[in-house]
Amino acid sequence: MSLATAYANSALHLNDKNLKAFAAPTLTGFFARGYPTSLCMRPRAKLPSSLTALVPRATSTTLEQDGSTSEIDTIPTPQVIIDQDSDHDATVVEITFGDRLGALLDTMNALKNLGLNVVKANVFLDSSGKHNKFFITKADTGRKIEDPELLEAIRLTIINNLLEYHPESSSQLAMGIAFGMVPPKQQVDVDIATRISINDDGPDRSLLYVESADRPGLLVDLVKIISDINIAVESGEFDTEGLLAKAKFHVSYKGKSIIKPLQQVLVNSLRYFLRRPTTEDASF
């Protein structure tokens, strides 16, 4: 069984009792407490996208034979954003699926079942649709979520609810291949989709961008790979945009920005992991 399938079988039926079913080895230093306030409150920039040409609009206009126009409903691209930067006290989760999302009460209840509190929620509209934004904290501590395994559980729980209550979203989500009613028509070429870059973000940290084909457990795997090289992940953002996953991590090595040789080691490690083919257990 592939790594992605192993994660998916356990992660898409999450609750507070079986959260550990897909847990990776314990990681430390992820979204650590005590990082500067300016880091949390810095305005969030949109992550770069390589899927611009593939994102359908909510509606498209076609020309009829008689010269009139008509609108054809198309399925928008679902987006799930987990943001650790924009609020100092809470983890911000943003969900967009065109104008199709309702009140998302089931999603809020599912988050509560993970031991979380929704301390604030708001909705806003723009050209891409209706955005539902939740500010969540751990129920037992009242603090933002720092555990990457729990952050991945939040992401998969939201996607699972999208597949359940909006089954048409499966044609736009990577997990729709295994769990949706309609699998995606487009298949992501991993070699083309994988993009990695590192830039200095001041003397004390660097900014790592990773974009690749989405799969269950990806957030935990990325953090583990980074941590295995003794690089600290301080905070960041993880976006699920249709078939792609896009991450922005603030990283450092021994309290300093990452030097060029170590940057290359990190890029090579991530690229090897993201591009390697999955191996079935039966092949051994």
C-alpha atoms as a PDB file:
ATOM      1  CA  MET A   1       0.000   0.000   0.000  1.00  0.00           C
ATOM      2  CA  SER A   2       1.392   3.416  -0.902  1.00  0.00           C
ATOM      3  CA  LEU A   3       2.137   6.095   1.691  1.00  0.00           C
ATOM      4  CA  ALA A   4      -0.662   8.273   0.316  1.00  0.00           C
ATOM      5  CA  THR A   5      -3.210   5.461   0.504  1.00  0.00           C
ATOM      6  CA  ALA A   6      -2.136   4.539   4.018  1.00  0.00           C
ATOM      7  CA  TYR A   7      -2.669   8.085   5.179  1.00  0.00           C
ATOM      8  CA  ALA A   8      -5.932   8.461   3.314  1.00  0.00           C
ATOM      9  CA  ASN A   9      -7.550   5.313   4.679  1.00  0.00           C
ATOM     10  CA  SER A  10      -7.160   6.571   8.228  1.00  0.00           C
ATOM     11  CA  ALA A  11      -7.187  10.331   7.883  1.00  0.00           C
ATOM     12  CA  LEU A  12     -10.485  10.846   6.111  1.00  0.00           C
ATOM     13  CA  HIS A  13     -12.530   9.453   9.009  1.00  0.00           C
ATOM     14  CA  LEU A  14     -11.152  11.550  11.811  1.00  0.00           C
ATOM     15  CA  ASN A  15     -12.471  12.253  15.250  1.00  0.00           C
ATOM     16  CA  ASP A  16     -10.927  12.973  18.619  1.00  0.00           C
ATOM     17  CA  LYS A  17     -10.522   9.250  19.360  1.00  0.00           C
ATOM     18  CA  ASN A  18      -8.706   8.112  16.245  1.00  0.00           C
ATOM     19  CA  LEU A  19      -6.577  11.202  15.546  1.00  0.00           C
ATOM     20  CA  LYS A  20      -3.435   9.185  16.246  1.00  0.00           C
ATOM     21  CA  ALA A  21      -4.269   6.694  13.505  1.00  0.00           C
ATOM     22  CA  PHE A  22      -2.101   8.475  10.976  1.00  0.00           C
ATOM     23  CA  ALA A  23       0.309  10.223  13.350  1.00  0.00           C
ATOM     24  CA  ALA A  24       3.911  10.529  12.246  1.00  0.00           C
ATOM     25  CA  PRO A  25       6.817  10.493  14.730  1.00  0.00           C
ATOM     26  CA  THR A  26       6.586  13.356  17.221  1.00  0.00           C
ATOM     27  CA  LEU A  27       8.040  16.594  15.872  1.00  0.00           C
ATOM     28  CA  THR A  28       9.181  19.561  17.922  1.00  0.00           C
ATOM     29  CA  GLY A  29       9.728  23.201  17.147  1.00  0.00           C
ATOM     30  CA  PHE A  30       6.870  23.497  14.659  1.00  0.00           C
ATOM     31  CA  PHE A  31       5.061  26.826  14.912  1.00  0.00           C
ATOM     32  CA  ALA A  32       6.887  27.262  18.210  1.00  0.00           C
ATOM     33  CA  ARG A  33       5.522  29.537  20.864  1.00  0.00           C
ATOM     34  CA  GLY A  34       7.335  32.736  21.513  1.00  0.00           C
ATOM     35  CA  TYR A  35       8.141  33.890  18.001  1.00  0.00           C
ATOM     36  CA  PRO A  36       7.936  37.667  17.500  1.00  0.00           C
ATOM     37  CA  THR A  37       4.575  39.376  17.323  1.00  0.00           C
ATOM     38  CA  SER A  38       5.586  41.042  14.085  1.00  0.00           C
ATOM     39  CA  LEU A  39       5.856  37.616  12.496  1.00  0.00           C
ATOM     40  CA  CYS A  40       2.263  36.758  13.327  1.00  0.00           C
ATOM     41  CA  MET A  41       0.733  40.062  12.309  1.00  0.00           C
ATOM     42  CA  ARG A  42       2.588  40.481   9.013  1.00  0.00           C
ATOM     43  CA  PRO A  43       0.090  40.836   6.120  1.00  0.00           C
ATOM     44  CA  ARG A  44      -0.300  37.588   4.240  1.00  0.00           C
ATOM     45  CA  ALA A  45       0.728  37.555   0.612  1.00  0.00           C
ATOM     46  CA  LYS A  46      -0.906  35.228  -1.867  1.00  0.00           C
ATOM     47  CA  LEU A  47       1.146  32.169  -2.588  1.00  0.00           C
ATOM     48  CA  PRO A  48       2.365  31.799  -6.171  1.00  0.00           C
ATOM     49  CA  SER A  49       0.274  29.556  -8.372  1.00  0.00           C
ATOM     50  CA  SER A  50       1.094  27.400 -11.362  1.00  0.00           C
ATOM     51  CA  LEU A  51      -2.549  26.353 -11.823  1.00  0.00           C
ATOM     52  CA  THR A  52      -3.912  29.692 -13.008  1.00  0.00           C
ATOM     53  CA  ALA A  53      -4.884  28.366 -16.411  1.00  0.00           C
ATOM     54  CA  LEU A  54      -6.684  25.405 -14.875  1.00  0.00           C
ATOM     55  CA  VAL A  55      -8.910  27.266 -12.389  1.00  0.00           C
ATOM     56  CA  PRO A  56     -12.469  27.405 -13.705  1.00  0.00           C
ATOM     57  CA  ARG A  57     -14.761  30.345 -13.060  1.00  0.00           C
ATOM     58  CA  ALA A  58     -18.028  29.886 -11.216  1.00  0.00           C
ATOM     59  CA  THR A  59     -19.851  30.496 -14.484  1.00  0.00           C
ATOM     60  CA  SER A  60     -18.797  30.771 -18.097  1.00  0.00           C
ATOM     61  CA  THR A  61     -20.582  32.458 -20.991  1.00  0.00           C
ATOM     62  CA  THR A  62     -21.119  30.756 -24.339  1.00  0.00           C
ATOM     63  CA  LEU A  63     -22.459  32.126 -27.614  1.00  0.00           C
ATOM     64  CA  GLU A  64     -25.611  30.480 -28.903  1.00  0.00           C
ATOM     65  CA  GLN A  65     -26.441  29.996 -32.597  1.00  0.00           C
ATOM     66  CA  ASP A  66     -29.010  32.787 -32.504  1.00  0.00           C
ATOM     67  CA  GLY A  67     -26.410  35.235 -31.217  1.00  0.00           C
ATOM     68  CA  SER A  68     -27.601  35.213 -27.575  1.00  0.00           C
ATOM     69  CA  THR A  69     -25.423  34.222 -24.679  1.00  0.00           C
ATOM     70  CA  SER A  70     -26.037  31.715 -21.904  1.00  0.00           C
ATOM     71  CA  GLU A  71     -24.240  30.885 -18.688  1.00  0.00           C
ATOM     72  CA  ILE A  72     -23.009  27.356 -18.030  1.00  0.00           C
ATOM     73  CA  ASP A  73     -22.354  26.391 -14.435  1.00  0.00           C
ATOM     74  CA  THR A  74     -18.830  25.126 -13.831  1.00  0.00           C
ATOM     75  CA  ILE A  75     -17.355  23.668 -10.688  1.00  0.00           C
ATOM     76  CA  PRO A  76     -15.065  26.131  -8.883  1.00  0.00           C
ATOM     77  CA  THR A  77     -11.714  25.175  -7.418  1.00  0.00           C
ATOM     78  CA  PRO A  78     -11.932  24.402  -3.668  1.00  0.00           C
ATOM     79  CA  GLN A  79      -9.401  26.149  -1.472  1.00  0.00           C
ATOM     80  CA  VAL A  80      -8.461  25.401   2.129  1.00  0.00           C
ATOM     81  CA  ILE A  81      -5.927  27.750   3.746  1.00  0.00           C
ATOM     82  CA  ILE A  82      -4.311  27.111   7.128  1.00  0.00           C
ATOM     83  CA  ASP A  83      -2.638  30.347   8.191  1.00  0.00           C
ATOM     84  CA  GLN A  84      -0.332  30.644  11.202  1.00  0.00           C
ATOM     85  CA  ASP A  85       0.950  34.138  10.421  1.00  0.00           C
ATOM     86  CA  SER A  86      -1.948  36.575  10.338  1.00  0.00           C
ATOM     87  CA  ASP A  87      -3.170  36.144  13.943  1.00  0.00           C
ATOM     88  CA  HIS A  88      -0.985  35.926  17.040  1.00  0.00           C
ATOM     89  CA  ASP A  89      -3.450  34.024  19.218  1.00  0.00           C
ATOM     90  CA  ALA A  90      -5.329  31.712  16.853  1.00  0.00           C
ATOM     91  CA  THR A  91      -4.855  29.530  13.816  1.00  0.00           C
ATOM     92  CA  VAL A  92      -6.836  30.943  10.891  1.00  0.00           C
ATOM     93  CA  VAL A  93      -8.592  28.496   8.576  1.00  0.00           C
ATOM     94  CA  GLU A  94     -10.161  29.806   5.375  1.00  0.00           C
ATOM     95  CA  ILE A  95     -12.444  27.761   3.111  1.00  0.00           C
ATOM     96  CA  THR A  96     -13.569  28.799  -0.370  1.00  0.00           C
ATOM     97  CA  PHE A  97     -15.641  26.902  -2.915  1.00  0.00           C
ATOM     98  CA  GLY A  98     -17.033  29.543  -5.199  1.00  0.00           C
ATOM     99  CA  ASP A  99     -20.478  30.630  -4.019  1.00  0.00           C
ATOM    100  CA  ARG A 100     -21.575  27.123  -3.043  1.00  0.00           C
ATOM    101  CA  LEU A 101     -20.621  26.980   0.639  1.00  0.00           C
ATOM    102  CA  GLY A 102     -23.388  27.201   3.207  1.00  0.00           C
ATOM    103  CA  ALA A 103     -23.074  27.999   6.907  1.00  0.00           C
ATOM    104  CA  LEU A 104     -20.573  25.120   7.404  1.00  0.00           C
ATOM    105  CA  LEU A 105     -22.071  24.152  10.763  1.00  0.00           C
ATOM    106  CA  ASP A 106     -21.025  20.552  10.172  1.00  0.00           C
ATOM    107  CA  THR A 107     -17.451  21.656   9.602  1.00  0.00           C
ATOM    108  CA  MET A 108     -17.468  23.656  12.823  1.00  0.00           C
ATOM    109  CA  ASN A 109     -18.808  20.652  14.726  1.00  0.00           C
ATOM    110  CA  ALA A 110     -16.140  18.427  13.157  1.00  0.00           C
ATOM    111  CA  LEU A 111     -13.435  20.849  14.307  1.00  0.00           C
ATOM    112  CA  LYS A 112     -14.879  20.790  17.825  1.00  0.00           C
ATOM    113  CA  ASN A 113     -14.665  16.986  17.745  1.00  0.00           C
ATOM    114  CA  LEU A 114     -10.906  17.390  17.228  1.00  0.00           C
ATOM    115  CA  GLY A 115     -10.668  19.229  20.563  1.00  0.00           C
ATOM    116  CA  LEU A 116     -10.749  22.724  19.064  1.00  0.00           C
ATOM    117  CA  ASN A 117     -12.656  25.907  19.748  1.00  0.00           C
ATOM    118  CA  VAL A 118     -13.906  28.212  17.018  1.00  0.00           C
ATOM    119  CA  VAL A 119     -13.391  31.560  18.762  1.00  0.00           C
ATOM    120  CA  LYS A 120     -14.447  33.706  15.817  1.00  0.00           C
ATOM    121  CA  ALA A 121     -15.806  33.266  12.313  1.00  0.00           C
ATOM    122  CA  ASN A 122     -16.590  35.600   9.459  1.00  0.00           C
ATOM    123  CA  VAL A 123     -17.612  35.488   5.823  1.00  0.00           C
ATOM    124  CA  PHE A 124     -16.603  37.787   2.996  1.00  0.00           C
ATOM    125  CA  LEU A 125     -17.165  37.845  -0.744  1.00  0.00           C
ATOM    126  CA  ASP A 126     -14.844  38.659  -3.602  1.00  0.00           C
ATOM    127  CA  SER A 127     -14.480  37.750  -7.258  1.00  0.00           C
ATOM    128  CA  SER A 128     -13.390  34.197  -6.390  1.00  0.00           C
ATOM    129  CA  GLY A 129     -16.484  33.475  -4.295  1.00  0.00           C
ATOM    130  CA  LYS A 130     -17.537  33.304  -0.655  1.00  0.00           C
ATOM    131  CA  HIS A 131     -14.741  32.891   1.874  1.00  0.00           C
ATOM    132  CA  ASN A 132     -15.507  31.318   5.248  1.00  0.00           C
ATOM    133  CA  LYS A 133     -12.814  32.142   7.777  1.00  0.00           C
ATOM    134  CA  PHE A 134     -12.497  30.484  11.194  1.00  0.00           C
ATOM    135  CA  PHE A 135     -10.187  31.487  14.048  1.00  0.00           C
ATOM    136  CA  ILE A 136      -9.528  28.326  16.038  1.00  0.00           C
ATOM    137  CA  THR A 137      -7.633  27.398  19.192  1.00  0.00           C
ATOM    138  CA  LYS A 138      -7.052  24.240  21.195  1.00  0.00           C
ATOM    139  CA  ALA A 139      -9.874  23.740  23.668  1.00  0.00           C
ATOM    140  CA  ASP A 140      -7.593  22.637  26.511  1.00  0.00           C
ATOM    141  CA  THR A 141      -5.072  25.491  26.269  1.00  0.00           C
ATOM    142  CA  GLY A 142      -6.870  28.291  24.442  1.00  0.00           C
ATOM    143  CA  ARG A 143      -3.799  28.711  22.233  1.00  0.00           C
ATOM    144  CA  LYS A 144      -3.234  28.367  18.510  1.00  0.00           C
ATOM    145  CA  ILE A 145      -2.445  24.930  17.073  1.00  0.00           C
ATOM    146  CA  GLU A 146       1.251  24.091  16.888  1.00  0.00           C
ATOM    147  CA  ASP A 147       1.220  20.345  16.233  1.00  0.00           C
ATOM    148  CA  PRO A 148       1.605  19.581  12.501  1.00  0.00           C
ATOM    149  CA  GLU A 149      -0.286  16.323  12.906  1.00  0.00           C
ATOM    150  CA  LEU A 150      -3.295  18.178  14.291  1.00  0.00           C
ATOM    151  CA  LEU A 151      -3.027  20.817  11.562  1.00  0.00           C
ATOM    152  CA  GLU A 152      -3.074  18.057   8.952  1.00  0.00           C
ATOM    153  CA  ALA A 153      -6.072  16.502  10.714  1.00  0.00           C
ATOM    154  CA  ILE A 154      -7.872  19.846  10.454  1.00  0.00           C
ATOM    155  CA  ARG A 155      -7.100  20.062   6.741  1.00  0.00           C
ATOM    156  CA  LEU A 156      -8.266  16.527   6.006  1.00  0.00           C
ATOM    157  CA  THR A 157     -11.402  16.950   8.112  1.00  0.00           C
ATOM    158  CA  ILE A 158     -12.411  20.022   6.125  1.00  0.00           C
ATOM    159  CA  ILE A 159     -11.708  18.293   2.814  1.00  0.00           C
ATOM    160  CA  ASN A 160     -13.643  15.238   3.975  1.00  0.00           C
ATOM    161  CA  ASN A 161     -16.640  17.466   4.737  1.00  0.00           C
ATOM    162  CA  LEU A 162     -16.342  19.098   1.319  1.00  0.00           C
ATOM    163  CA  LEU A 163     -16.468  15.686  -0.326  1.00  0.00           C
ATOM    164  CA  GLU A 164     -19.463  14.671   1.785  1.00  0.00           C
ATOM    165  CA  TYR A 165     -21.631  17.798   1.582  1.00  0.00           C
ATOM    166  CA  HIS A 166     -20.420  19.040  -1.809  1.00  0.00           C
ATOM    167  CA  PRO A 167     -19.751  15.815  -3.740  1.00  0.00           C
ATOM    168  CA  GLU A 168     -19.190  17.802  -6.935  1.00  0.00           C
ATOM    169  CA  SER A 169     -15.967  19.113  -5.353  1.00  0.00           C
ATOM    170  CA  SER A 170     -14.370  15.682  -5.780  1.00  0.00           C
ATOM    171  CA  SER A 171     -13.654  16.436  -9.431  1.00  0.00           C
ATOM    172  CA  GLN A 172     -11.413  19.301  -8.302  1.00  0.00           C
ATOM    173  CA  LEU A 173      -9.656  17.708  -5.310  1.00  0.00           C
ATOM    174  CA  ALA A 174      -6.730  15.307  -5.241  1.00  0.00           C
ATOM    175  CA  MET A 175      -8.502  13.102  -2.694  1.00  0.00           C
ATOM    176  CA  GLY A 176     -11.473  12.855  -5.027  1.00  0.00           C
ATOM    177  CA  ILE A 177      -9.508  10.158  -6.864  1.00  0.00           C
ATOM    178  CA  ALA A 178      -9.942   7.700  -4.000  1.00  0.00           C
ATOM    179  CA  PHE A 179     -12.901   9.041  -2.025  1.00  0.00           C
ATOM    180  CA  GLY A 180     -14.989  11.251  -4.300  1.00  0.00           C
ATOM    181  CA  MET A 181     -17.948  10.450  -6.484  1.00  0.00           C
ATOM    182  CA  VAL A 182     -16.314  11.967  -9.578  1.00  0.00           C
ATOM    183  CA  PRO A 183     -12.520  11.697  -9.904  1.00  0.00           C
ATOM    184  CA  PRO A 184     -10.589  14.674 -11.319  1.00  0.00           C
ATOM    185  CA  LYS A 185     -10.291  14.731 -15.091  1.00  0.00           C
ATOM    186  CA  GLN A 186      -6.901  16.403 -14.898  1.00  0.00           C
ATOM    187  CA  GLN A 187      -3.873  14.597 -13.538  1.00  0.00           C
ATOM    188  CA  VAL A 188      -1.017  16.639 -12.117  1.00  0.00           C
ATOM    189  CA  ASP A 189       2.440  15.946 -13.517  1.00  0.00           C
ATOM    190  CA  VAL A 190       4.526  15.841 -10.344  1.00  0.00           C
ATOM    191  CA  ASP A 191       7.725  16.870 -12.110  1.00  0.00           C
ATOM    192  CA  ILE A 192       6.069  19.946 -13.589  1.00  0.00           C
ATOM    193  CA  ALA A 193       3.984  20.851 -10.531  1.00  0.00           C
ATOM    194  CA  THR A 194       6.802  20.644  -7.993  1.00  0.00           C
ATOM    195  CA  ARG A 195       8.326  24.052  -7.302  1.00  0.00           C
ATOM    196  CA  ILE A 196      10.657  24.906  -4.433  1.00  0.00           C
ATOM    197  CA  SER A 197      12.375  28.169  -3.604  1.00  0.00           C
ATOM    198  CA  ILE A 198      14.159  29.678  -0.585  1.00  0.00           C
ATOM    199  CA  ASN A 199      14.770  33.375   0.017  1.00  0.00           C
ATOM    200  CA  ASP A 200      16.294  35.279   2.921  1.00  0.00           C
ATOM    201  CA  ASP A 201      13.714  36.928   5.146  1.00  0.00           C
ATOM    202  CA  GLY A 202      16.049  38.993   7.298  1.00  0.00           C
ATOM    203  CA  PRO A 203      19.190  37.870   9.168  1.00  0.00           C
ATOM    204  CA  ASP A 204      17.396  35.435  11.458  1.00  0.00           C
ATOM    205  CA  ARG A 205      15.223  33.374   9.119  1.00  0.00           C
ATOM    206  CA  SER A 206      14.486  32.343   5.544  1.00  0.00           C
ATOM    207  CA  LEU A 207      11.239  31.927   3.630  1.00  0.00           C
ATOM    208  CA  LEU A 208      10.621  28.537   2.035  1.00  0.00           C
ATOM    209  CA  TYR A 209       8.004  28.075  -0.713  1.00  0.00           C
ATOM    210  CA  VAL A 210       6.901  24.590  -1.720  1.00  0.00           C
ATOM    211  CA  GLU A 211       4.300  23.753  -4.352  1.00  0.00           C
ATOM    212  CA  SER A 212       3.439  20.222  -5.385  1.00  0.00           C
ATOM    213  CA  ALA A 213       0.673  17.743  -6.079  1.00  0.00           C
ATOM    214  CA  ASP A 214      -1.521  17.342  -3.017  1.00  0.00           C
ATOM    215  CA  ARG A 215      -1.913  14.115  -1.077  1.00  0.00           C
ATOM    216  CA  PRO A 216      -2.988  13.134   2.452  1.00  0.00           C
ATOM    217  CA  GLY A 217      -0.308  13.597   5.094  1.00  0.00           C
ATOM    218  CA  LEU A 218       1.730  16.025   2.988  1.00  0.00           C
ATOM    219  CA  LEU A 219       1.915  18.750   5.642  1.00  0.00           C
ATOM    220  CA  VAL A 220       3.321  16.368   8.245  1.00  0.00           C
ATOM    221  CA  ASP A 221       5.778  14.881   5.757  1.00  0.00           C
ATOM    222  CA  LEU A 222       7.118  18.283   4.702  1.00  0.00           C
ATOM    223  CA  VAL A 223       7.731  19.362   8.274  1.00  0.00           C
ATOM    224  CA  LYS A 224       9.418  16.054   9.095  1.00  0.00           C
ATOM    225  CA  ILE A 225      11.789  16.335   6.126  1.00  0.00           C
ATOM    226  CA  ILE A 226      12.726  19.890   7.107  1.00  0.00           C
ATOM    227  CA  SER A 227      13.195  18.929  10.756  1.00  0.00           C
ATOM    228  CA  ASP A 228      15.357  15.918   9.855  1.00  0.00           C
ATOM    229  CA  ILE A 229      17.953  18.374   8.502  1.00  0.00           C
ATOM    230  CA  ASN A 230      17.875  20.205  11.874  1.00  0.00           C
ATOM    231  CA  ILE A 231      16.106  23.192  10.320  1.00  0.00           C
ATOM    232  CA  ALA A 232      13.478  24.800  12.547  1.00  0.00           C
ATOM    233  CA  VAL A 233      10.028  25.577  11.171  1.00  0.00           C
ATOM    234  CA  GLU A 234       8.775  28.653  13.008  1.00  0.00           C
ATOM    235  CA  SER A 235       5.449  29.426  11.345  1.00  0.00           C
ATOM    236  CA  GLY A 236       3.835  29.591   7.964  1.00  0.00           C
ATOM    237  CA  GLU A 237       0.842  28.848   5.796  1.00  0.00           C
ATOM    238  CA  PHE A 238      -0.402  25.713   4.034  1.00  0.00           C
ATOM    239  CA  ASP A 239      -2.843  26.041   1.147  1.00  0.00           C
ATOM    240  CA  THR A 240      -4.850  23.318  -0.557  1.00  0.00           C
ATOM    241  CA  GLU A 241      -5.891  24.633  -3.958  1.00  0.00           C
ATOM    242  CA  GLY A 242      -7.681  21.995  -5.965  1.00  0.00           C
ATOM    243  CA  LEU A 243      -5.139  19.351  -6.961  1.00  0.00           C
ATOM    244  CA  LEU A 244      -2.183  21.330  -5.628  1.00  0.00           C
ATOM    245  CA  ALA A 245      -0.735  22.016  -2.194  1.00  0.00           C
ATOM    246  CA  LYS A 246       1.244  25.205  -1.617  1.00  0.00           C
ATOM    247  CA  ALA A 247       3.229  25.881   1.543  1.00  0.00           C
ATOM    248  CA  LYS A 248       5.046  28.904   2.888  1.00  0.00           C
ATOM    249  CA  PHE A 249       7.295  28.236   5.885  1.00  0.00           C
ATOM    250  CA  HIS A 250       9.467  30.582   7.910  1.00  0.00           C
ATOM    251  CA  VAL A 251      12.567  28.506   8.642  1.00  0.00           C
ATOM    252  CA  SER A 252      15.922  29.003  10.352  1.00  0.00           C
ATOM    253  CA  TYR A 253      19.073  27.119  11.272  1.00  0.00           C
ATOM    254  CA  LYS A 254      20.418  27.727  14.781  1.00  0.00           C
ATOM    255  CA  GLY A 255      18.533  31.005  14.967  1.00  0.00           C
ATOM    256  CA  LYS A 256      19.895  32.338  11.681  1.00  0.00           C
ATOM    257  CA  SER A 257      18.816  32.422   8.060  1.00  0.00           C
ATOM    258  CA  ILE A 258      19.797  29.375   6.019  1.00  0.00           C
ATOM    259  CA  ILE A 259      23.092  29.660   4.139  1.00  0.00           C
ATOM    260  CA  LYS A 260      23.259  28.753   0.453  1.00  0.00           C
ATOM    261  CA  PRO A 261      24.839  25.257   0.814  1.00  0.00           C
ATOM    262  CA  LEU A 262      22.205  24.231   3.353  1.00  0.00           C
ATOM    263  CA  GLN A 263      19.476  25.720   1.171  1.00  0.00           C
ATOM    264  CA  GLN A 264      20.574  23.402  -1.615  1.00  0.00           C
ATOM    265  CA  VAL A 265      20.504  20.398   0.723  1.00  0.00           C
ATOM    266  CA  LEU A 266      16.971  21.288   1.774  1.00  0.00           C
ATOM    267  CA  VAL A 267      15.769  21.819  -1.790  1.00  0.00           C
ATOM    268  CA  ASN A 268      17.294  18.518  -2.934  1.00  0.00           C
ATOM    269  CA  SER A 269      15.727  16.615  -0.024  1.00  0.00           C
ATOM    270  CA  LEU A 270      12.279  18.064  -0.640  1.00  0.00           C
ATOM    271  CA  ARG A 271      12.492  17.610  -4.399  1.00  0.00           C
ATOM    272  CA  TYR A 272      13.534  13.957  -4.039  1.00  0.00           C
ATOM    273  CA  PHE A 273      10.671  13.237  -1.647  1.00  0.00           C
ATOM    274  CA  LEU A 274       8.009  15.043  -3.660  1.00  0.00           C
ATOM    275  CA  ARG A 275       9.020  13.622  -7.036  1.00  0.00           C
ATOM    276  CA  ARG A 276       9.784  10.036  -6.058  1.00  0.00           C
ATOM    277  CA  PRO A 277       7.214   7.494  -7.225  1.00  0.00           C
ATOM    278  CA  THR A 278       5.143   5.715  -4.600  1.00  0.00           C
ATOM    279  CA  THR A 279       6.036   2.064  -4.147  1.00  0.00           C
ATOM    280  CA  GLU A 280       3.465  -0.572  -3.478  1.00  0.00           C
ATOM    281  CA  ASP A 281       4.213  -3.020  -0.673  1.00  0.00           C
ATOM    282  CA  ALA A 282       3.249  -5.862  -2.982  1.00  0.00           C
ATOM    283  CA  SER A 283       6.201  -5.067  -5.214  1.00  0.00           C
ATOM    284  CA  PHE A 284       8.689  -6.250  -2.575  1.00  0.00           C
END
